N, C-alpha and C. Protein backbone atom coordinates (compact mmCIF):
# COMPACT_ATOMS: atom_id res chain seq x y z
N UNK A 1 -4.04 -19.57 5.06
CA UNK A 1 -3.96 -19.71 3.60
C UNK A 1 -2.77 -19.71 2.70
N UNK A 2 -2.59 -20.81 2.07
CA UNK A 2 -1.24 -21.00 1.25
C UNK A 2 -1.17 -19.57 0.30
N UNK A 3 -0.18 -18.94 0.02
CA UNK A 3 0.13 -17.61 -1.04
C UNK A 3 -0.14 -18.05 -2.08
N UNK A 4 -0.47 -19.43 -2.82
CA UNK A 4 -0.70 -19.90 -3.96
C UNK A 4 -2.35 -19.73 -4.21
N UNK A 5 -3.01 -19.40 -3.41
CA UNK A 5 -4.28 -19.02 -3.32
C UNK A 5 -4.88 -17.95 -3.59
N UNK A 6 -3.88 -17.02 -3.54
CA UNK A 6 -4.15 -15.49 -4.05
C UNK A 6 -3.69 -15.32 -5.34
N UNK A 7 -4.44 -14.30 -5.86
CA UNK A 7 -3.84 -13.86 -7.02
C UNK A 7 -3.74 -12.37 -6.81
N UNK A 8 -2.76 -11.68 -7.92
CA UNK A 8 -2.42 -10.19 -7.62
C UNK A 8 -3.00 -9.43 -9.12
N UNK A 9 -3.56 -8.41 -8.87
CA UNK A 9 -3.78 -7.69 -9.81
C UNK A 9 -3.50 -6.06 -9.63
N UNK A 10 -2.92 -5.31 -10.90
CA UNK A 10 -2.31 -4.32 -10.66
C UNK A 10 -3.17 -3.56 -11.89
N UNK A 11 -3.70 -2.20 -11.69
CA UNK A 11 -4.26 -1.62 -12.88
C UNK A 11 -4.67 -0.11 -12.24
N UNK A 12 -4.33 0.63 -13.03
CA UNK A 12 -5.11 2.11 -13.10
C UNK A 12 -6.35 2.27 -13.05
N UNK A 13 -6.86 3.16 -12.41
CA UNK A 13 -8.34 3.45 -11.73
C UNK A 13 -9.09 3.26 -13.20
N UNK A 14 -8.72 3.88 -14.47
CA UNK A 14 -9.45 4.20 -15.29
C UNK A 14 -9.92 2.48 -16.08
N UNK A 15 -8.85 1.57 -15.72
CA UNK A 15 -9.28 0.03 -16.06
C UNK A 15 -10.14 -0.66 -14.89
N UNK A 16 -10.58 -0.19 -14.03
CA UNK A 16 -11.55 -0.74 -12.92
C UNK A 16 -13.08 -0.68 -13.51
N UNK A 17 -13.58 -1.77 -13.42
CA UNK A 17 -15.08 -1.86 -13.53
C UNK A 17 -15.67 -1.14 -12.66
N UNK A 18 -17.19 -0.80 -12.34
CA UNK A 18 -17.49 0.08 -11.21
C UNK A 18 -17.87 -0.77 -9.85
N UNK A 19 -18.18 -1.93 -9.97
CA UNK A 19 -18.00 -2.86 -9.25
C UNK A 19 -16.90 -2.93 -8.15
N UNK A 20 -15.64 -3.10 -9.14
CA UNK A 20 -14.29 -3.63 -8.34
C UNK A 20 -13.87 -2.29 -7.67
N UNK A 21 -14.23 -1.04 -8.27
CA UNK A 21 -13.69 0.20 -7.77
C UNK A 21 -14.46 0.34 -6.51
N UNK A 22 -15.69 -0.10 -6.52
CA UNK A 22 -16.59 0.44 -5.20
C UNK A 22 -16.09 -0.92 -4.12
N UNK A 23 -15.64 -1.77 -4.69
CA UNK A 23 -15.56 -2.92 -3.38
C UNK A 23 -13.78 -2.12 -2.84
N UNK A 24 -12.91 -2.05 -3.66
CA UNK A 24 -11.77 -1.37 -3.13
C UNK A 24 -12.05 -0.21 -2.29
N UNK A 25 -12.73 0.51 -2.51
CA UNK A 25 -13.08 2.00 -1.95
C UNK A 25 -13.59 1.72 -0.56
N UNK A 26 -14.79 0.72 -0.71
CA UNK A 26 -15.41 0.58 0.40
C UNK A 26 -14.62 -0.22 1.43
N UNK A 27 -13.75 -1.00 0.95
CA UNK A 27 -12.65 -1.40 2.01
C UNK A 27 -11.86 -0.59 2.86
N UNK A 28 -10.96 0.45 1.74
CA UNK A 28 -10.57 1.42 2.64
C UNK A 28 -11.08 2.41 3.52
N UNK A 29 -12.37 2.83 3.00
CA UNK A 29 -13.36 3.71 3.95
C UNK A 29 -13.74 2.63 5.36
N UNK A 30 -14.08 1.46 5.13
CA UNK A 30 -14.26 0.91 6.28
C UNK A 30 -13.19 0.49 7.31
N UNK A 31 -12.01 0.59 6.76
CA UNK A 31 -11.00 0.40 7.97
C UNK A 31 -10.53 1.52 8.15
N UNK A 32 -9.97 2.53 7.05
CA UNK A 32 -9.27 3.61 7.70
C UNK A 32 -10.23 4.95 8.31
N UNK A 33 -11.59 4.81 7.95
CA UNK A 33 -12.43 5.99 8.31
C UNK A 33 -13.51 5.60 9.53
N UNK A 34 -14.26 3.94 9.34
CA UNK A 34 -14.91 3.47 10.11
C UNK A 34 -14.38 2.82 11.25
N UNK A 35 -13.32 1.73 11.10
CA UNK A 35 -12.52 1.12 11.96
C UNK A 35 -12.03 1.91 12.78
N UNK A 36 -10.96 2.93 12.27
CA UNK A 36 -9.80 3.28 12.78
C UNK A 36 -10.35 4.98 13.37
N UNK A 37 -12.03 4.76 13.19
CA UNK A 37 -12.99 6.49 13.91
C UNK A 37 -11.61 7.41 13.57
N UNK A 38 -11.69 7.74 11.96
CA UNK A 38 -11.09 8.64 11.44
C UNK A 38 -11.54 9.43 10.28
N UNK A 39 -12.33 10.58 10.51
CA UNK A 39 -12.85 11.28 9.56
C UNK A 39 -11.63 12.17 8.51
N UNK A 40 -11.04 11.45 7.57
CA UNK A 40 -10.44 12.54 6.84
C UNK A 40 -10.80 12.06 5.55
N UNK A 41 -10.21 12.93 4.39
CA UNK A 41 -10.61 12.95 3.01
C UNK A 41 -9.82 11.66 2.07
N UNK A 42 -10.63 10.68 2.45
CA UNK A 42 -10.07 9.08 1.70
C UNK A 42 -9.73 9.30 0.53
N UNK A 43 -10.90 9.88 -0.36
CA UNK A 43 -10.78 10.16 -1.97
C UNK A 43 -9.98 11.48 -2.15
N UNK A 44 -8.71 11.59 -1.99
CA UNK A 44 -7.80 12.85 -2.02
C UNK A 44 -7.24 13.00 -3.44
N UNK A 45 -7.76 12.53 -4.81
CA UNK A 45 -7.14 12.82 -5.72
C UNK A 45 -6.20 12.14 -6.09
N UNK A 46 -5.12 11.56 -5.19
CA UNK A 46 -4.16 10.60 -5.76
C UNK A 46 -4.73 9.40 -6.30
N UNK A 47 -5.78 8.74 -6.45
CA UNK A 47 -5.91 7.61 -6.94
C UNK A 47 -6.13 7.65 -8.38
N UNK A 48 -6.23 8.92 -8.96
CA UNK A 48 -6.50 9.13 -10.55
C UNK A 48 -5.15 8.43 -11.15
N UNK A 49 -3.85 9.14 -10.59
CA UNK A 49 -2.72 8.80 -11.34
C UNK A 49 -2.24 7.71 -10.51
N UNK A 50 -2.59 6.82 -9.80
CA UNK A 50 -1.80 5.86 -9.19
C UNK A 50 -2.22 4.36 -9.98
N UNK A 51 -1.35 3.44 -9.60
CA UNK A 51 -1.77 2.27 -9.93
C UNK A 51 -2.27 1.45 -8.24
N UNK A 52 -3.33 0.52 -8.71
CA UNK A 52 -3.73 0.02 -7.40
C UNK A 52 -3.36 -1.63 -7.54
N UNK A 53 -2.91 -1.95 -6.38
CA UNK A 53 -2.55 -3.53 -6.24
C UNK A 53 -3.54 -4.28 -5.51
N UNK A 54 -4.04 -5.05 -5.85
CA UNK A 54 -5.17 -5.56 -5.16
C UNK A 54 -4.79 -7.26 -5.21
N UNK A 55 -5.14 -8.12 -3.91
CA UNK A 55 -4.80 -9.44 -3.77
C UNK A 55 -6.40 -10.14 -3.54
N UNK A 56 -6.49 -10.86 -4.34
CA UNK A 56 -7.85 -11.38 -4.62
C UNK A 56 -7.73 -13.16 -3.95
N UNK A 57 -8.53 -13.69 -3.32
CA UNK A 57 -8.76 -15.00 -3.10
C UNK A 57 -10.17 -15.53 -3.92
N UNK A 58 -9.72 -16.43 -4.73
CA UNK A 58 -11.17 -16.43 -5.54
C UNK A 58 -11.36 -14.94 -6.23
N UNK A 59 -12.97 -15.02 -6.16
CA UNK A 59 -13.41 -13.51 -6.72
C UNK A 59 -13.39 -12.36 -5.63
N UNK A 60 -12.94 -12.76 -4.15
CA UNK A 60 -13.07 -11.67 -3.26
C UNK A 60 -11.77 -10.99 -3.00
N UNK A 61 -12.29 -9.53 -2.98
CA UNK A 61 -10.89 -9.06 -2.64
C UNK A 61 -10.50 -8.83 -1.19
N UNK A 62 -9.44 -9.31 -0.99
CA UNK A 62 -9.04 -9.50 0.37
C UNK A 62 -7.70 -8.42 0.87
N UNK A 63 -7.13 -7.57 -0.13
CA UNK A 63 -6.56 -6.49 0.44
C UNK A 63 -5.72 -5.76 -0.82
N UNK A 64 -5.42 -4.32 -0.37
CA UNK A 64 -4.96 -3.71 -1.49
C UNK A 64 -4.12 -2.46 -1.16
N UNK A 65 -3.38 -2.09 -1.85
CA UNK A 65 -2.35 -1.00 -1.93
C UNK A 65 -2.40 0.05 -3.28
N UNK A 66 -2.10 1.23 -2.75
CA UNK A 66 -2.01 2.27 -3.85
C UNK A 66 -0.39 2.34 -4.04
N UNK A 67 -0.01 2.23 -5.33
CA UNK A 67 1.42 2.65 -5.88
C UNK A 67 1.35 3.79 -6.68
N UNK A 68 2.18 4.83 -6.39
CA UNK A 68 2.54 6.07 -6.86
C UNK A 68 3.70 6.33 -7.61
N UNK A 69 3.92 6.69 -8.53
CA UNK A 69 5.14 6.94 -9.32
C UNK A 69 6.04 8.01 -8.79
N UNK A 70 7.37 7.80 -8.90
CA UNK A 70 8.30 8.97 -8.76
C UNK A 70 7.84 10.13 -9.76
N UNK A 71 8.26 11.13 -8.97
CA UNK A 71 8.12 12.67 -9.92
C UNK A 71 9.16 13.03 -9.64
N UNK A 72 10.21 12.80 -10.82
CA UNK A 72 11.33 13.24 -11.13
C UNK A 72 12.72 12.55 -10.64
N UNK A 73 13.78 12.73 -11.29
CA UNK A 73 14.76 12.24 -10.93
C UNK A 73 15.25 12.16 -9.23
N UNK A 74 15.38 11.06 -8.90
CA UNK A 74 15.67 11.26 -7.31
C UNK A 74 14.63 11.05 -6.29
N UNK A 75 13.43 11.48 -6.89
CA UNK A 75 12.34 11.22 -6.10
C UNK A 75 11.86 9.73 -5.65
N UNK A 76 11.07 9.53 -4.74
CA UNK A 76 10.30 8.45 -4.39
C UNK A 76 9.40 7.65 -5.28
N UNK A 77 9.17 6.57 -5.38
CA UNK A 77 8.03 5.87 -5.73
C UNK A 77 7.31 5.54 -4.19
N UNK A 78 5.75 5.77 -4.18
CA UNK A 78 5.04 5.31 -2.95
C UNK A 78 4.48 4.72 -2.68
N UNK A 79 4.25 3.61 -1.79
CA UNK A 79 3.24 2.68 -1.51
C UNK A 79 2.23 3.51 -0.41
N UNK A 80 1.03 3.40 -0.47
CA UNK A 80 0.09 3.95 0.58
C UNK A 80 -1.21 3.20 0.36
N UNK A 81 -2.07 3.81 1.29
CA UNK A 81 -3.38 2.98 1.47
C UNK A 81 -3.32 1.58 1.45
N UNK A 82 -2.38 1.00 2.25
CA UNK A 82 -2.17 -0.18 2.76
C UNK A 82 -3.32 -1.07 3.52
N UNK A 83 -4.11 -1.89 2.83
CA UNK A 83 -5.09 -2.42 3.57
C UNK A 83 -5.60 -4.06 3.63
N UNK A 84 -5.79 -4.35 4.45
CA UNK A 84 -6.30 -5.86 4.41
C UNK A 84 -7.37 -5.75 4.95
N UNK A 85 -8.78 -6.79 4.41
CA UNK A 85 -10.27 -6.81 4.64
C UNK A 85 -9.94 -7.20 6.08
N UNK A 86 -10.81 -7.02 7.34
CA UNK A 86 -10.91 -7.24 8.42
C UNK A 86 -11.21 -8.42 8.65
N UNK A 87 -11.96 -9.25 7.80
CA UNK A 87 -12.52 -10.64 8.01
C UNK A 87 -11.23 -11.65 7.38
N UNK A 88 -10.19 -11.10 6.83
CA UNK A 88 -8.86 -11.70 6.44
C UNK A 88 -7.55 -11.53 7.17
N UNK A 89 -7.67 -10.98 8.28
CA UNK A 89 -6.55 -10.59 9.04
C UNK A 89 -6.36 -11.92 9.86
N UNK A 90 -4.81 -12.10 10.23
CA UNK A 90 -4.26 -12.98 10.57
C UNK A 90 -3.78 -14.20 9.87
N UNK A 91 -3.82 -13.74 8.53
CA UNK A 91 -3.13 -14.68 7.51
C UNK A 91 -2.39 -14.31 6.85
N UNK A 92 -1.66 -13.51 7.39
CA UNK A 92 -0.15 -12.92 6.88
C UNK A 92 -0.29 -12.51 5.57
N UNK A 93 -1.60 -12.06 5.03
CA UNK A 93 -1.74 -11.09 4.01
C UNK A 93 -1.07 -9.98 3.79
N UNK A 94 -0.78 -9.19 4.99
CA UNK A 94 0.20 -8.25 4.79
C UNK A 94 1.54 -8.26 4.40
N UNK A 95 1.85 -9.29 4.75
CA UNK A 95 3.32 -9.61 4.41
C UNK A 95 3.09 -10.00 2.77
N UNK A 96 2.41 -10.36 2.48
CA UNK A 96 2.17 -10.58 0.68
C UNK A 96 2.03 -9.75 0.03
N UNK A 97 1.03 -8.57 0.76
CA UNK A 97 0.55 -7.38 0.02
C UNK A 97 1.94 -6.53 0.20
N UNK A 98 2.67 -6.17 0.88
CA UNK A 98 3.94 -5.59 0.81
C UNK A 98 4.97 -6.11 0.06
N UNK A 99 5.02 -7.45 0.04
CA UNK A 99 6.21 -7.93 -0.82
C UNK A 99 5.74 -8.02 -2.42
N UNK A 100 4.59 -7.78 -2.49
CA UNK A 100 4.18 -7.70 -4.24
C UNK A 100 4.12 -6.43 -4.63
N UNK A 101 3.88 -5.32 -3.42
CA UNK A 101 3.98 -3.73 -3.81
C UNK A 101 5.27 -3.48 -3.55
N UNK A 102 6.26 -3.90 -2.85
CA UNK A 102 7.54 -3.59 -3.41
C UNK A 102 8.06 -4.00 -4.73
N UNK A 103 7.89 -5.30 -5.16
CA UNK A 103 8.17 -6.11 -6.26
C UNK A 103 8.08 -5.14 -7.77
N UNK A 104 6.60 -4.40 -7.23
CA UNK A 104 5.97 -3.80 -8.57
C UNK A 104 6.61 -2.73 -8.54
N UNK A 105 6.99 -1.96 -7.39
CA UNK A 105 7.63 -0.51 -7.41
C UNK A 105 9.25 -0.95 -8.04
N UNK A 106 9.66 -1.61 -7.55
CA UNK A 106 11.04 -2.00 -8.15
C UNK A 106 11.27 -2.39 -9.40
N UNK A 107 10.05 -3.28 -10.10
CA UNK A 107 10.22 -3.50 -11.36
C UNK A 107 9.76 -2.44 -12.45
N UNK A 108 8.91 -1.55 -11.72
CA UNK A 108 8.28 -0.42 -12.80
C UNK A 108 9.47 0.88 -12.48
N UNK A 109 10.13 1.10 -11.38
CA UNK A 109 10.68 2.12 -10.94
C UNK A 109 12.12 1.73 -10.32
N UNK A 110 13.12 1.18 -11.02
CA UNK A 110 14.04 0.49 -10.28
C UNK A 110 15.11 1.36 -9.89
N UNK A 111 15.13 2.88 -10.07
CA UNK A 111 16.04 3.50 -9.83
C UNK A 111 15.77 4.65 -8.61
N UNK A 112 14.36 4.12 -8.27
CA UNK A 112 13.97 4.97 -7.20
C UNK A 112 13.93 4.20 -5.85
N UNK A 113 14.31 5.04 -4.75
CA UNK A 113 13.98 4.62 -3.31
C UNK A 113 12.01 4.40 -3.22
N UNK A 114 11.81 3.68 -2.32
CA UNK A 114 10.27 3.71 -2.15
C UNK A 114 10.13 4.27 -0.76
N UNK A 115 9.04 4.81 -0.65
CA UNK A 115 8.61 5.65 0.53
C UNK A 115 7.10 5.33 0.89
N UNK A 116 6.87 5.56 2.15
CA UNK A 116 5.78 5.43 2.52
C UNK A 116 5.46 5.97 4.05
N UNK A 117 4.14 6.53 4.50
CA UNK A 117 3.98 7.08 5.44
C UNK A 117 3.15 6.07 6.62
N UNK A 118 4.15 5.46 7.46
CA UNK A 118 3.64 4.36 8.37
C UNK A 118 2.96 5.02 9.62
N UNK A 119 1.77 3.81 9.79
CA UNK A 119 1.19 4.29 11.21
C UNK A 119 2.29 3.82 12.21
N UNK A 120 2.47 4.52 13.33
CA UNK A 120 3.64 4.16 14.26
C UNK A 120 3.74 2.85 14.76
N UNK A 121 2.49 2.11 15.18
CA UNK A 121 2.54 1.11 15.31
C UNK A 121 3.12 -0.39 14.76
N UNK A 122 3.23 0.30 13.38
CA UNK A 122 3.03 -0.60 12.38
C UNK A 122 4.96 -0.33 11.96
N UNK A 123 5.72 0.58 12.74
CA UNK A 123 7.11 0.68 11.98
C UNK A 123 7.89 -0.61 12.05
N UNK A 124 7.81 -1.42 12.86
CA UNK A 124 8.46 -2.47 12.61
C UNK A 124 8.07 -3.68 11.58
N UNK A 125 6.94 -3.67 11.52
CA UNK A 125 6.43 -4.44 10.12
C UNK A 125 6.93 -4.05 9.12
N UNK A 126 7.21 -2.88 8.91
CA UNK A 126 7.75 -2.22 7.74
C UNK A 126 9.12 -2.24 7.47
N UNK A 127 9.65 -2.28 8.72
CA UNK A 127 11.43 -2.60 8.81
C UNK A 127 11.79 -3.68 8.44
N UNK A 128 10.75 -4.71 8.48
CA UNK A 128 11.07 -6.03 8.12
C UNK A 128 11.04 -6.17 6.87
N UNK A 129 10.86 -5.24 5.98
CA UNK A 129 10.77 -5.24 4.55
C UNK A 129 11.94 -4.22 4.16
N UNK A 130 12.77 -3.73 4.82
CA UNK A 130 13.85 -3.08 4.72
C UNK A 130 13.72 -1.21 4.83
N UNK A 131 12.47 -0.93 5.05
CA UNK A 131 12.06 0.38 5.19
C UNK A 131 12.79 1.13 6.54
N UNK A 132 13.24 2.25 6.49
CA UNK A 132 13.80 2.90 7.64
C UNK A 132 13.34 4.22 7.87
N UNK A 133 13.28 4.48 9.08
CA UNK A 133 12.53 5.89 9.27
C UNK A 133 13.32 6.91 8.96
N UNK A 134 12.85 8.02 8.46
CA UNK A 134 13.61 9.14 8.18
C UNK A 134 12.61 10.30 8.73
N UNK A 135 11.66 10.04 9.52
CA UNK A 135 11.26 11.32 10.11
C UNK A 135 10.94 11.01 11.58
N UNK A 136 10.83 12.09 12.53
CA UNK A 136 10.33 11.47 13.89
C UNK A 136 8.93 11.13 13.91
N UNK A 137 8.49 11.34 14.88
CA UNK A 137 6.81 10.86 14.87
C UNK A 137 6.01 11.84 14.78
N UNK A 138 4.92 12.05 13.90
CA UNK A 138 4.18 13.21 13.71
C UNK A 138 2.31 12.63 13.83
N UNK A 139 1.66 13.46 14.15
CA UNK A 139 0.47 13.16 13.96
C UNK A 139 -0.35 13.34 12.38
N UNK A 140 -1.00 12.63 12.03
CA UNK A 140 -1.53 12.85 10.69
C UNK A 140 -3.15 12.07 11.42
N UNK A 141 -4.01 13.00 11.01
CA UNK A 141 -5.50 12.64 11.09
C UNK A 141 -5.55 12.12 12.83
N UNK A 142 -4.90 12.43 13.19
CA UNK A 142 -5.05 12.18 15.04
C UNK A 142 -4.22 10.66 15.39
N UNK A 143 -3.73 10.17 14.32
CA UNK A 143 -2.93 8.94 14.28
C UNK A 143 -1.33 9.34 14.25
N UNK A 144 -0.66 8.83 15.28
CA UNK A 144 0.97 8.77 15.08
C UNK A 144 1.39 8.31 14.14
N UNK A 145 2.17 8.58 12.92
CA UNK A 145 2.99 8.21 11.86
C UNK A 145 4.27 8.61 12.08
N UNK A 146 5.26 7.67 10.97
CA UNK A 146 6.64 8.09 10.88
C UNK A 146 6.58 8.12 9.68
N UNK A 147 7.42 8.79 8.99
CA UNK A 147 7.63 8.41 7.50
C UNK A 147 9.11 7.63 7.19
N UNK A 148 8.74 6.72 6.35
CA UNK A 148 9.92 5.64 6.20
C UNK A 148 10.30 5.57 4.33
N UNK A 149 11.52 4.96 4.50
CA UNK A 149 11.90 4.90 3.23
C UNK A 149 12.97 3.47 2.87
N UNK A 150 12.46 2.89 1.50
CA UNK A 150 13.38 1.48 1.31
C UNK A 150 14.32 2.09 0.41
N UNK A 151 15.58 1.83 0.62
CA UNK A 151 16.50 2.64 -0.46
C UNK A 151 16.58 1.44 -1.57
N UNK A 152 17.06 2.22 -2.76
CA UNK A 152 17.18 1.40 -4.01
C UNK A 152 17.97 0.09 -3.62
N UNK A 153 17.62 -0.78 -4.36
CA UNK A 153 17.83 -2.44 -4.08
C UNK A 153 19.29 -2.65 -5.19
N UNK A 154 20.10 -2.93 -4.46
CA UNK A 154 21.80 -3.19 -5.42
C UNK A 154 21.36 -4.39 -6.55
N UNK A 155 21.47 -3.78 -7.82
CA UNK A 155 21.03 -4.73 -8.84
C UNK A 155 22.44 -5.78 -8.95
N UNK A 156 22.18 -7.12 -9.10
CA UNK A 156 23.42 -7.87 -9.17
C UNK A 156 23.53 -7.52 -10.66
N UNK A 157 25.23 -7.74 -11.12
CA UNK A 157 25.33 -7.31 -12.29
C UNK A 157 26.28 -8.16 -13.17
């Protein structure tokens, strides 16, 4: 699919209609809990203060990510809950989703590095977007992870 076939939506949780919220949370549960066979508290209280970036093909939700603002000077913005609908994999939507998430973080929080907790098998994927490992591998919910950070991009002046 051509990138022009997708629309991007960024909003806080209070701006969601019930069906849109349900669709996003259902996709996350289907992938992170059911598909990955990983029971953990998907509803962790962090969605309330976050922005939610979603990609749509027409009216269909195809991918989403959670964006969290930095908490104080020198702290990181965070990208998390990066998910592509299983029926839309193989279309490079992860690339589009990450490019949009990074651009949104840089627009909103230009002086903050961006951090994420990557599943270890996706480390190279995130490195392709300028993220660097900042921790050793660790288990989170029995899945190997590594913390990664993308430095603040130099601004043309």
